[in-house]
Amino acid sequence: MNKRLGRIGSLIVTGAVLGFAVCLAVSFDFGSFLICMLLALGFIMMTAGFAAESGDDARAASITAMAFACVYAVLVLIVYFTQTTVVHLQLPTDREAVYLDFSRSGLMFYLDLLGYGLMALSTFFTGLTVRAKSKADRWLKALLLLHSAFFPGCFLLPMLGVFPPVAAGEMGAGGTVALLFWCAYFLPVGALAYRHFGTKRN
């Protein structure tokens, strides 16, 4: 059951990242929001799968990874549930939109960055638990560990005023390119994790 849950989570992560990239390419924001909520759920399942197979010597790292994964999921679910309900259905005023509308690079945008920064920390601690016995697992471990490099930017850049509030729909192509780069990076993580949980081990 542990490996099966981890594999299902990895499949969800892989499909969600691919779907997110497609939504970005065609500028389908509502679809992106829905998929990111699915990604969060799949990520918890995938992380739990890694935690279940970690040995006693990696127990603290696996617990830390799960804790960061859960906080990430709570933050992004709040952000995207807000976008698909309050923002999508109730059409907030300009004053409210500065805080609630993700596309305005305001509060919801910053909470989203914080969430993905914590996701990066989660993958780092998960990477510490992976026992790489094959070339594919060594790649998986490396990608998980190196993904933590996204944390400083997600955590510090909002504090430095790099993303000032903008008018709706004016975030620009730079943000899309950055997100597509992240998709290209994280897609192999989901695929390799799916392979990892499907491999028989002694």
Protein backbone atom coordinates (compact mmCIF):
# COMPACT_ATOMS: atom_id res chain seq x y z
CA MET A 1 0.00 0.00 0.00
CA ASN A 2 2.82 2.44 0.85
CA LYS A 3 4.51 2.05 -2.53
CA ARG A 4 1.18 2.10 -4.35
CA LEU A 5 0.17 5.37 -2.70
CA GLY A 6 3.56 6.87 -3.49
CA ARG A 7 3.27 5.75 -7.10
CA ILE A 8 -0.24 7.17 -7.47
CA GLY A 9 0.95 10.45 -5.98
CA SER A 10 3.91 10.53 -8.36
CA LEU A 11 1.60 9.93 -11.32
CA ILE A 12 -0.65 12.78 -10.17
CA VAL A 13 2.38 15.06 -9.80
CA THR A 14 3.66 14.16 -13.27
CA GLY A 15 0.27 14.69 -14.90
CA ALA A 16 -0.37 17.91 -12.98
CA VAL A 17 2.97 19.45 -13.94
CA LEU A 18 2.38 18.53 -17.59
CA GLY A 19 -1.15 19.92 -17.47
CA PHE A 20 0.07 23.08 -15.74
CA ALA A 21 2.61 23.65 -18.54
CA VAL A 22 -0.12 23.26 -21.16
CA CYS A 23 -2.39 25.72 -19.34
CA LEU A 24 0.47 28.20 -19.13
CA ALA A 25 1.17 27.86 -22.84
CA VAL A 26 -2.46 28.60 -23.78
CA SER A 27 -2.99 31.20 -21.00
CA PHE A 28 -5.78 29.22 -19.32
CA ASP A 29 -5.46 30.61 -15.80
CA PHE A 30 -8.51 28.88 -14.31
CA GLY A 31 -7.18 25.52 -15.46
CA SER A 32 -3.78 26.32 -13.96
CA PHE A 33 -5.39 27.06 -10.59
CA LEU A 34 -7.32 23.79 -10.56
CA ILE A 35 -4.28 21.77 -11.57
CA CYS A 36 -2.10 23.36 -8.89
CA MET A 37 -4.56 22.20 -6.25
CA LEU A 38 -4.34 18.68 -7.66
CA LEU A 39 -0.54 18.96 -7.69
CA ALA A 40 -0.51 19.78 -3.98
CA LEU A 41 -2.54 16.68 -3.14
CA GLY A 42 -0.38 14.45 -5.31
CA PHE A 43 2.79 15.91 -3.82
CA ILE A 44 1.69 14.99 -0.29
CA MET A 45 1.01 11.43 -1.43
CA MET A 46 4.37 11.19 -3.18
CA THR A 47 6.24 12.61 -0.17
CA ALA A 48 4.39 10.23 2.14
CA GLY A 49 5.52 7.35 -0.05
CA PHE A 50 9.15 8.34 0.37
CA ALA A 51 8.65 8.86 4.10
CA ALA A 52 7.17 5.37 4.47
CA GLU A 53 10.23 3.69 3.00
CA SER A 54 12.83 5.78 4.85
CA GLY A 55 14.90 3.94 7.42
CA ASP A 56 15.31 4.83 11.08
CA ASP A 57 18.44 6.84 10.29
CA ALA A 58 16.40 9.10 7.97
CA ARG A 59 13.25 9.34 10.07
CA ALA A 60 13.79 12.96 11.13
CA ALA A 61 14.43 14.03 7.54
CA SER A 62 11.27 12.27 6.32
CA ILE A 63 9.14 13.85 9.05
CA THR A 64 10.57 17.27 8.19
CA ALA A 65 9.82 16.69 4.52
CA MET A 66 6.23 15.77 5.32
CA ALA A 67 5.77 18.82 7.53
CA PHE A 68 6.99 21.20 4.81
CA ALA A 69 4.87 19.37 2.22
CA CYS A 70 1.74 19.85 4.32
CA VAL A 71 2.37 23.56 4.90
CA TYR A 72 3.03 24.00 1.16
CA ALA A 73 -0.25 22.26 0.36
CA VAL A 74 -2.25 24.37 2.82
CA LEU A 75 -0.84 27.62 1.42
CA VAL A 76 -1.39 26.83 -2.26
CA LEU A 77 -4.84 25.37 -1.64
CA ILE A 78 -5.83 28.62 0.08
CA VAL A 79 -4.39 30.65 -2.80
CA TYR A 80 -5.99 28.71 -5.64
CA PHE A 81 -9.29 28.00 -3.90
CA THR A 82 -9.55 31.77 -3.44
CA GLN A 83 -8.90 32.29 -7.15
CA THR A 84 -11.52 29.75 -8.26
CA THR A 85 -14.20 30.97 -5.84
CA VAL A 86 -14.01 34.53 -4.50
CA VAL A 87 -12.01 36.02 -7.37
CA HIS A 88 -13.68 34.04 -10.15
CA LEU A 89 -17.27 34.28 -8.96
CA GLN A 90 -17.60 37.44 -6.89
CA LEU A 91 -15.49 39.87 -8.91
CA PRO A 92 -13.79 41.79 -6.07
CA THR A 93 -13.36 45.56 -6.25
CA ASP A 94 -10.00 46.99 -7.31
CA ARG A 95 -9.05 47.51 -3.66
CA GLU A 96 -9.86 43.89 -2.79
CA ALA A 97 -8.29 42.57 -5.97
CA VAL A 98 -4.88 43.92 -4.95
CA TYR A 99 -4.92 41.40 -2.12
CA LEU A 100 -7.03 38.56 -3.52
CA ASP A 101 -6.32 38.40 -7.26
CA PHE A 102 -3.27 36.23 -7.96
CA SER A 103 -2.57 38.05 -11.23
CA ARG A 104 -2.05 41.36 -9.36
CA SER A 105 1.20 40.11 -7.77
CA GLY A 106 -0.11 40.88 -4.30
CA LEU A 107 -0.80 38.90 -1.13
CA MET A 108 -2.01 35.70 -2.85
CA PHE A 109 1.00 35.75 -5.18
CA TYR A 110 3.37 36.09 -2.24
CA LEU A 111 1.69 33.28 -0.31
CA ASP A 112 2.01 31.12 -3.42
CA LEU A 113 5.74 31.84 -3.63
CA LEU A 114 6.13 31.01 0.05
CA GLY A 115 4.29 27.75 -0.52
CA TYR A 116 6.52 26.70 -3.38
CA GLY A 117 9.57 27.72 -1.39
CA LEU A 118 8.48 25.31 1.33
CA MET A 119 7.87 22.68 -1.33
CA ALA A 120 11.52 23.12 -2.34
CA LEU A 121 12.59 22.52 1.25
CA SER A 122 10.38 19.44 1.35
CA THR A 123 12.07 17.95 -1.71
CA PHE A 124 15.47 18.62 -0.16
CA PHE A 125 14.68 16.63 2.96
CA THR A 126 13.03 13.93 0.87
CA GLY A 127 16.20 13.72 -1.20
CA LEU A 128 18.16 13.03 1.97
CA THR A 129 16.05 9.93 2.56
CA VAL A 130 16.37 8.39 -0.92
CA ARG A 131 18.65 5.37 -1.04
CA ALA A 132 19.94 5.58 -4.59
CA LYS A 133 20.68 2.06 -5.81
CA SER A 134 20.28 2.71 -9.53
CA LYS A 135 21.19 5.41 -12.03
CA ALA A 136 17.55 6.55 -12.18
CA ASP A 137 17.40 6.86 -8.40
CA ARG A 138 20.65 8.81 -8.35
CA TRP A 139 19.13 11.27 -10.80
CA LEU A 140 15.98 11.45 -8.69
CA LYS A 141 17.95 12.09 -5.52
CA ALA A 142 20.00 14.82 -7.21
CA LEU A 143 16.93 16.55 -8.66
CA LEU A 144 15.16 16.47 -5.29
CA LEU A 145 18.16 17.93 -3.49
CA LEU A 146 18.91 20.59 -6.11
CA HIS A 147 15.26 21.67 -6.20
CA SER A 148 15.93 23.33 -2.84
CA ALA A 149 17.74 26.06 -4.80
CA PHE A 150 14.31 27.55 -5.52
CA PHE A 151 13.73 28.28 -1.82
CA PRO A 152 15.90 31.43 -1.39
CA GLY A 153 14.25 33.20 -4.32
CA CYS A 154 10.72 32.24 -3.30
CA PHE A 155 11.37 33.34 0.27
CA LEU A 156 13.51 36.45 -0.14
CA LEU A 157 12.50 38.11 -3.43
CA PRO A 158 9.02 39.16 -2.22
CA MET A 159 10.65 40.89 0.76
CA LEU A 160 12.95 42.80 -1.58
CA GLY A 161 10.08 44.27 -3.59
CA VAL A 162 11.02 42.45 -6.79
CA PHE A 163 7.33 41.78 -7.58
CA PRO A 164 5.42 45.05 -7.11
CA PRO A 165 1.61 44.95 -7.54
CA VAL A 166 0.49 45.24 -11.17
CA ALA A 167 -2.77 45.70 -13.02
CA ALA A 168 -4.74 42.57 -13.90
CA GLY A 169 -3.24 40.67 -16.82
CA GLU A 170 0.05 42.61 -16.85
CA MET A 171 2.41 40.15 -15.18
CA GLY A 172 4.23 39.70 -18.48
CA ALA A 173 5.89 36.85 -20.33
CA GLY A 174 8.84 36.65 -17.93
CA GLY A 175 6.76 34.96 -15.25
CA THR A 176 5.39 32.45 -17.75
CA VAL A 177 8.87 31.55 -18.95
CA ALA A 178 10.07 31.08 -15.36
CA LEU A 179 7.13 28.78 -14.59
CA LEU A 180 7.69 26.76 -17.77
CA PHE A 181 11.32 26.33 -16.73
CA TRP A 182 10.15 25.02 -13.35
CA CYS A 183 7.79 22.60 -15.12
CA ALA A 184 10.65 21.31 -17.27
CA TYR A 185 12.69 20.77 -14.10
CA PHE A 186 10.01 19.14 -11.98
CA LEU A 187 8.44 16.89 -14.61
CA PRO A 188 11.35 14.40 -14.43
CA VAL A 189 11.01 14.36 -10.62
CA GLY A 190 7.47 13.03 -10.86
CA ALA A 191 8.37 10.58 -13.63
CA LEU A 192 11.43 9.22 -11.81
CA ALA A 193 9.48 8.95 -8.55
CA TYR A 194 6.81 6.97 -10.38
CA ARG A 195 9.51 4.61 -11.65
CA HIS A 196 11.09 4.46 -8.20
CA PHE A 197 7.90 3.28 -6.50
CA GLY A 198 7.25 0.76 -9.25
CA THR A 199 10.64 -0.95 -8.85
CA LYS A 200 10.79 -4.10 -6.77
CA ARG A 201 13.31 -3.83 -3.94
CA ASN A 202 14.74 -6.29 -1.48
